[in-house]
Amino acid sequence: MKILDKMQRRAAIWILGAFKTSPSIGIEAIAGIISIKFHLQKIAKRLQIRPFKLPSNHIIRILMDDSPPSSTTSNLHKIGSLTNRQRTQTKGHLTDSYNKSLGIFPSFSPISIEFSPGNHIIDNFSDQFSFNLVNRKGKTKINNRALELNEMVLQASSSPHTALVISDASIKNDIATLISHIHSMNSPLTKTVHHASFVTSTEAELFTIRCGINQACSKENVLKIIVVTDSIHAAKKIFNSDSHPYQLHSIAILRKLQEFFNSNPNNTIEF
């Protein structure tokens, strides 16, 4: 770790042209380089997802099977065959990977139909969703963006077929507060507030967007959904078919959007 930290510190100093006495945390943050410690943690969490992408008949998947033993069970060494005491005493990579995977995501399906070839929403409904991105650099661009948002809200408020979803999440002292508002015709329809502990900011933002979209899709006569969020990177996770810890939320949102798009070819959503 010390060698890697020294290498990264030298790289950050070289990128910024900073003094050799500059603090490592500061120059890494300015250079946009993630700390070695957190980078290794990210790689380790991604590695824990890989066993769940293996076929169900793979030996590793069989050993990590947590289902109760049955009369047809041929392998008595799987995790589901162990007693609670044996689980606490058993040491090894498979047991450790299984225990830690429960903290990453409640469930994971590598062959979900939403991500299978021919069912990708980006292939079948590419003209029914869009991202309205903004460049935050410069005060003038921020002011122009504020005017655009005001105009968009006024237009959405005048249309009876448009639902405006405003979502936001904040984390303080490891407690996340998630708020979602749904407006139509300049009047609030639904407001939901959730609290969660020990979740990442991306997971909190994605869950808030999920709640807003689910409620907007359930409203009658809604042809267009506009999602206003300050976490556009979380919204892009919805359409990311790669393996990531937030795939459970992505699948739930995609299922709702597919129903929404299939019900009417004129239905659209904008982030």
Protein backbone atom coordinates (compact mmCIF):
# COMPACT_ATOMS: atom_id res chain seq x y z
CA MET A 1 0.00 0.00 0.00
CA LYS A 2 2.80 2.44 0.86
CA ILE A 3 4.47 1.86 -2.52
CA LEU A 4 1.19 2.41 -4.36
CA ASP A 5 0.46 5.54 -2.34
CA LYS A 6 3.90 6.95 -3.20
CA MET A 7 3.40 6.20 -6.91
CA GLN A 8 0.00 7.89 -6.93
CA ARG A 9 1.33 10.88 -5.00
CA ARG A 10 4.12 11.37 -7.57
CA ALA A 11 1.58 11.11 -10.40
CA ALA A 12 -0.67 13.73 -8.77
CA ILE A 13 2.28 16.09 -8.22
CA TRP A 14 3.34 15.61 -11.86
CA ILE A 15 -0.21 16.30 -13.13
CA LEU A 16 -0.65 19.49 -11.10
CA GLY A 17 2.95 20.68 -11.02
CA ALA A 18 2.56 21.05 -7.26
CA PHE A 19 5.24 21.25 -4.59
CA LYS A 20 6.62 18.04 -3.13
CA THR A 21 5.47 19.12 0.33
CA SER A 22 1.81 19.37 -0.76
CA PRO A 23 -0.59 17.08 1.19
CA SER A 24 -1.47 13.89 -0.65
CA ILE A 25 -5.22 14.05 0.03
CA GLY A 26 -5.47 17.60 -1.30
CA ILE A 27 -3.56 17.09 -4.54
CA GLU A 28 -5.36 13.80 -5.25
CA ALA A 29 -8.71 15.53 -4.84
CA ILE A 30 -7.72 18.44 -7.10
CA ALA A 31 -6.28 16.07 -9.72
CA GLY A 32 -9.45 13.98 -9.62
CA ILE A 33 -7.66 10.79 -8.60
CA ILE A 34 -9.42 8.36 -6.30
CA SER A 35 -7.49 7.20 -3.25
CA ILE A 36 -5.72 3.85 -3.60
CA LYS A 37 -7.61 2.52 -0.58
CA PHE A 38 -11.04 3.33 -2.03
CA HIS A 39 -9.97 2.20 -5.51
CA LEU A 40 -9.08 -1.24 -4.14
CA GLN A 41 -12.40 -1.37 -2.30
CA LYS A 42 -14.22 -0.60 -5.53
CA ILE A 43 -12.36 -3.35 -7.38
CA ALA A 44 -13.06 -5.82 -4.55
CA LYS A 45 -16.81 -5.08 -4.66
CA ARG A 46 -16.89 -5.55 -8.41
CA LEU A 47 -15.03 -8.84 -8.00
CA GLN A 48 -17.73 -10.07 -5.62
CA ILE A 49 -20.32 -9.67 -8.37
CA ARG A 50 -18.50 -11.93 -10.82
CA PRO A 51 -19.51 -15.31 -9.26
CA PHE A 52 -23.18 -14.39 -9.73
CA LYS A 53 -22.61 -13.99 -13.48
CA LEU A 54 -21.56 -17.63 -13.83
CA PRO A 55 -24.05 -20.25 -15.13
CA SER A 56 -26.27 -21.84 -12.49
CA ASN A 57 -24.61 -25.24 -13.05
CA HIS A 58 -21.09 -23.90 -12.45
CA ILE A 59 -19.33 -25.50 -9.48
CA ILE A 60 -18.78 -22.13 -7.77
CA ARG A 61 -22.47 -21.22 -8.08
CA ILE A 62 -23.43 -24.64 -6.72
CA LEU A 63 -21.18 -24.22 -3.69
CA MET A 64 -22.56 -20.71 -3.04
CA ASP A 65 -26.17 -21.91 -3.27
CA ASP A 66 -28.01 -20.89 -0.09
CA SER A 67 -31.20 -22.86 -0.73
CA PRO A 68 -32.15 -25.46 1.91
CA PRO A 69 -30.94 -29.01 1.21
CA SER A 70 -33.42 -31.35 -0.45
CA SER A 71 -33.59 -35.02 -1.26
CA THR A 72 -32.35 -34.34 -4.79
CA THR A 73 -29.31 -32.38 -3.60
CA SER A 74 -26.15 -34.04 -4.87
CA ASN A 75 -23.61 -31.69 -3.30
CA LEU A 76 -23.57 -31.64 0.50
CA HIS A 77 -20.79 -29.04 0.66
CA LYS A 78 -22.82 -26.06 -0.51
CA ILE A 79 -23.49 -23.15 1.83
CA GLY A 80 -27.17 -24.03 2.17
CA SER A 81 -26.25 -27.39 3.72
CA LEU A 82 -24.26 -25.80 6.56
CA THR A 83 -25.71 -25.12 9.98
CA ASN A 84 -25.53 -21.64 11.49
CA ARG A 85 -22.63 -22.70 13.70
CA GLN A 86 -20.78 -24.22 10.75
CA ARG A 87 -21.27 -21.00 8.77
CA THR A 88 -19.68 -18.92 11.53
CA GLN A 89 -16.75 -21.31 11.82
CA THR A 90 -16.18 -21.88 8.11
CA LYS A 91 -13.40 -19.78 6.64
CA GLY A 92 -12.62 -19.34 2.97
CA HIS A 93 -12.97 -17.16 -0.10
CA LEU A 94 -16.37 -18.54 -1.16
CA THR A 95 -17.99 -18.07 2.25
CA ASP A 96 -16.50 -14.62 2.63
CA SER A 97 -17.59 -13.62 -0.87
CA TYR A 98 -21.12 -14.89 -0.23
CA ASN A 99 -21.44 -13.03 3.09
CA LYS A 100 -20.17 -9.76 1.65
CA SER A 101 -22.34 -10.03 -1.45
CA LEU A 102 -25.44 -9.82 0.74
CA GLY A 103 -24.39 -6.32 1.74
CA ILE A 104 -23.87 -5.17 -1.85
CA PHE A 105 -27.28 -5.94 -3.26
CA PRO A 106 -30.29 -7.96 -2.17
CA SER A 107 -30.59 -9.85 -5.46
CA PHE A 108 -28.87 -9.96 -8.81
CA SER A 109 -29.87 -11.52 -12.11
CA PRO A 110 -27.12 -11.57 -14.76
CA ILE A 111 -29.53 -12.90 -17.41
CA SER A 112 -32.47 -10.60 -16.70
CA ILE A 113 -34.72 -10.27 -19.72
CA GLU A 114 -34.33 -6.47 -19.64
CA PHE A 115 -30.62 -6.87 -20.48
CA SER A 116 -30.87 -9.81 -22.87
CA PRO A 117 -30.16 -9.24 -26.59
CA GLY A 118 -33.19 -7.94 -28.43
CA ASN A 119 -34.85 -6.58 -25.30
CA HIS A 120 -32.58 -3.62 -24.54
CA ILE A 121 -34.69 -0.53 -24.02
CA ILE A 122 -32.03 1.57 -25.74
CA ASP A 123 -32.55 -0.53 -28.89
CA ASN A 124 -36.33 -0.80 -28.89
CA PHE A 125 -37.31 2.63 -27.53
CA SER A 126 -34.32 4.83 -28.33
CA ASP A 127 -36.56 7.68 -29.55
CA GLN A 128 -38.78 7.68 -26.45
CA PHE A 129 -36.25 8.73 -23.81
CA SER A 130 -33.66 11.50 -23.74
CA PHE A 131 -31.17 13.27 -21.50
CA ASN A 132 -31.04 17.05 -21.30
CA LEU A 133 -27.43 17.52 -20.22
CA VAL A 134 -25.90 20.78 -19.04
CA ASN A 135 -22.39 22.14 -18.75
CA ARG A 136 -22.02 23.57 -15.24
CA LYS A 137 -18.84 25.50 -16.01
CA GLY A 138 -19.38 29.23 -16.07
CA LYS A 139 -21.85 31.43 -14.25
CA THR A 140 -23.60 32.46 -17.47
CA LYS A 141 -24.32 28.85 -18.42
CA ILE A 142 -25.73 28.15 -14.97
CA ASN A 143 -28.04 31.16 -15.22
CA ASN A 144 -29.15 30.10 -18.69
CA ARG A 145 -29.83 26.62 -17.36
CA ALA A 146 -32.00 28.06 -14.59
CA LEU A 147 -34.04 29.95 -17.18
CA GLU A 148 -34.43 26.78 -19.24
CA LEU A 149 -35.69 24.87 -16.20
CA ASN A 150 -38.19 27.61 -15.38
CA GLU A 151 -39.51 27.57 -18.95
CA MET A 152 -39.70 23.78 -18.94
CA VAL A 153 -41.67 23.76 -15.67
CA LEU A 154 -44.12 26.35 -17.04
CA GLN A 155 -44.67 24.30 -20.20
CA ALA A 156 -45.09 21.10 -18.20
CA SER A 157 -47.55 22.79 -15.85
CA SER A 158 -49.76 23.83 -18.75
CA SER A 159 -50.06 20.31 -20.17
CA PRO A 160 -52.52 17.87 -18.55
CA HIS A 161 -50.60 14.92 -20.04
CA THR A 162 -47.20 15.76 -18.51
CA ALA A 163 -45.97 14.58 -15.13
CA LEU A 164 -43.08 16.44 -13.54
CA VAL A 165 -40.98 14.28 -11.20
CA ILE A 166 -38.58 16.14 -8.90
CA SER A 167 -36.25 13.86 -6.96
CA ASP A 168 -33.44 14.54 -4.54
CA ALA A 169 -31.46 12.68 -1.89
CA SER A 170 -29.04 13.77 0.79
CA ILE A 171 -26.89 11.87 3.26
CA LYS A 172 -25.94 13.10 6.72
CA ASN A 173 -24.37 10.99 9.47
CA ASP A 174 -24.86 7.83 7.36
CA ILE A 175 -28.63 8.50 7.19
CA ALA A 176 -30.06 9.15 3.72
CA THR A 177 -33.20 11.23 3.20
CA LEU A 178 -34.95 10.60 -0.13
CA ILE A 179 -37.70 12.91 -1.37
CA SER A 180 -39.75 12.64 -4.55
CA HIS A 181 -42.41 15.12 -5.72
CA ILE A 182 -44.80 14.59 -8.63
CA HIS A 183 -46.60 17.59 -10.12
CA SER A 184 -49.13 17.90 -12.92
CA MET A 185 -51.07 20.96 -14.09
CA ASN A 186 -49.18 23.09 -11.53
CA SER A 187 -50.55 21.07 -8.61
CA PRO A 188 -48.79 18.42 -6.49
CA LEU A 189 -50.01 14.86 -6.98
CA THR A 190 -47.75 12.81 -4.73
CA LYS A 191 -44.94 13.38 -2.27
CA THR A 192 -42.90 10.51 -0.87
CA VAL A 193 -40.19 10.63 1.76
CA HIS A 194 -37.93 7.69 2.60
CA HIS A 195 -35.08 7.24 5.05
CA ALA A 196 -32.27 4.72 4.70
CA SER A 197 -29.03 4.05 6.50
CA PHE A 198 -25.60 3.09 5.21
CA VAL A 199 -26.33 3.53 1.49
CA THR A 200 -24.27 5.27 -1.16
CA SER A 201 -25.37 8.56 -2.69
CA THR A 202 -25.83 6.90 -6.09
CA GLU A 203 -28.08 4.22 -4.62
CA ALA A 204 -30.12 6.82 -2.76
CA GLU A 205 -30.57 8.98 -5.87
CA LEU A 206 -31.46 5.98 -8.03
CA PHE A 207 -34.04 4.72 -5.54
CA THR A 208 -35.63 8.19 -5.40
CA ILE A 209 -35.86 8.30 -9.20
CA ARG A 210 -37.34 4.79 -9.14
CA CYS A 211 -40.11 5.84 -6.73
CA GLY A 212 -40.95 8.91 -8.79
CA ILE A 213 -41.08 7.04 -12.11
CA ASN A 214 -43.19 4.21 -10.66
CA GLN A 215 -45.78 6.65 -9.34
CA ALA A 216 -45.78 8.76 -12.50
CA CYS A 217 -46.34 5.70 -14.69
CA SER A 218 -49.31 4.67 -12.57
CA LYS A 219 -51.11 7.97 -13.22
CA GLU A 220 -53.75 8.00 -15.94
CA ASN A 221 -53.47 10.08 -19.13
CA VAL A 222 -49.75 10.74 -18.67
CA LEU A 223 -47.92 10.82 -22.00
CA LYS A 224 -44.69 12.51 -20.95
CA ILE A 225 -42.58 12.23 -17.80
CA ILE A 226 -39.94 14.82 -16.99
CA VAL A 227 -37.47 13.83 -14.27
CA VAL A 228 -35.61 16.71 -12.63
CA THR A 229 -32.56 15.50 -10.72
CA ASP A 230 -29.13 16.83 -9.82
CA SER A 231 -27.60 13.36 -10.20
CA ILE A 232 -27.68 12.66 -13.93
CA HIS A 233 -24.99 9.98 -13.54
CA ALA A 234 -27.41 7.99 -11.38
CA ALA A 235 -30.12 8.31 -14.04
CA LYS A 236 -27.74 6.97 -16.66
CA LYS A 237 -27.25 3.85 -14.54
CA ILE A 238 -30.81 2.89 -15.49
CA PHE A 239 -29.79 2.21 -19.08
CA ASN A 240 -26.40 0.69 -18.26
CA SER A 241 -26.50 -3.03 -19.08
CA ASP A 242 -23.12 -3.72 -17.45
CA SER A 243 -22.88 -5.35 -14.04
CA HIS A 244 -23.16 -2.83 -11.22
CA PRO A 245 -24.40 -2.93 -7.61
CA TYR A 246 -27.50 -0.88 -8.45
CA GLN A 247 -28.84 -3.24 -11.10
CA LEU A 248 -31.81 -4.20 -8.94
CA HIS A 249 -33.16 -0.65 -9.17
CA SER A 250 -32.32 -0.43 -12.88
CA ILE A 251 -34.32 -3.58 -13.67
CA ALA A 252 -37.35 -2.33 -11.72
CA ILE A 253 -37.29 1.02 -13.52
CA LEU A 254 -36.79 -0.56 -16.94
CA ARG A 255 -39.78 -2.85 -16.44
CA LYS A 256 -41.99 0.13 -15.62
CA LEU A 257 -40.66 2.11 -18.57
CA GLN A 258 -41.22 -0.77 -20.98
CA GLU A 259 -44.85 -1.01 -19.85
CA PHE A 260 -45.15 2.76 -20.19
CA PHE A 261 -43.65 2.82 -23.70
CA ASN A 262 -45.61 -0.22 -24.92
CA SER A 263 -48.92 1.25 -23.78
CA ASN A 264 -48.58 4.18 -26.18
CA PRO A 265 -45.88 4.84 -28.81
CA ASN A 266 -46.20 8.57 -28.03
CA ASN A 267 -45.17 8.12 -24.40
CA THR A 268 -41.76 9.67 -23.61
CA ILE A 269 -39.51 10.38 -20.66
CA GLU A 270 -36.87 13.08 -20.32
CA PHE A 271 -34.14 13.47 -17.71
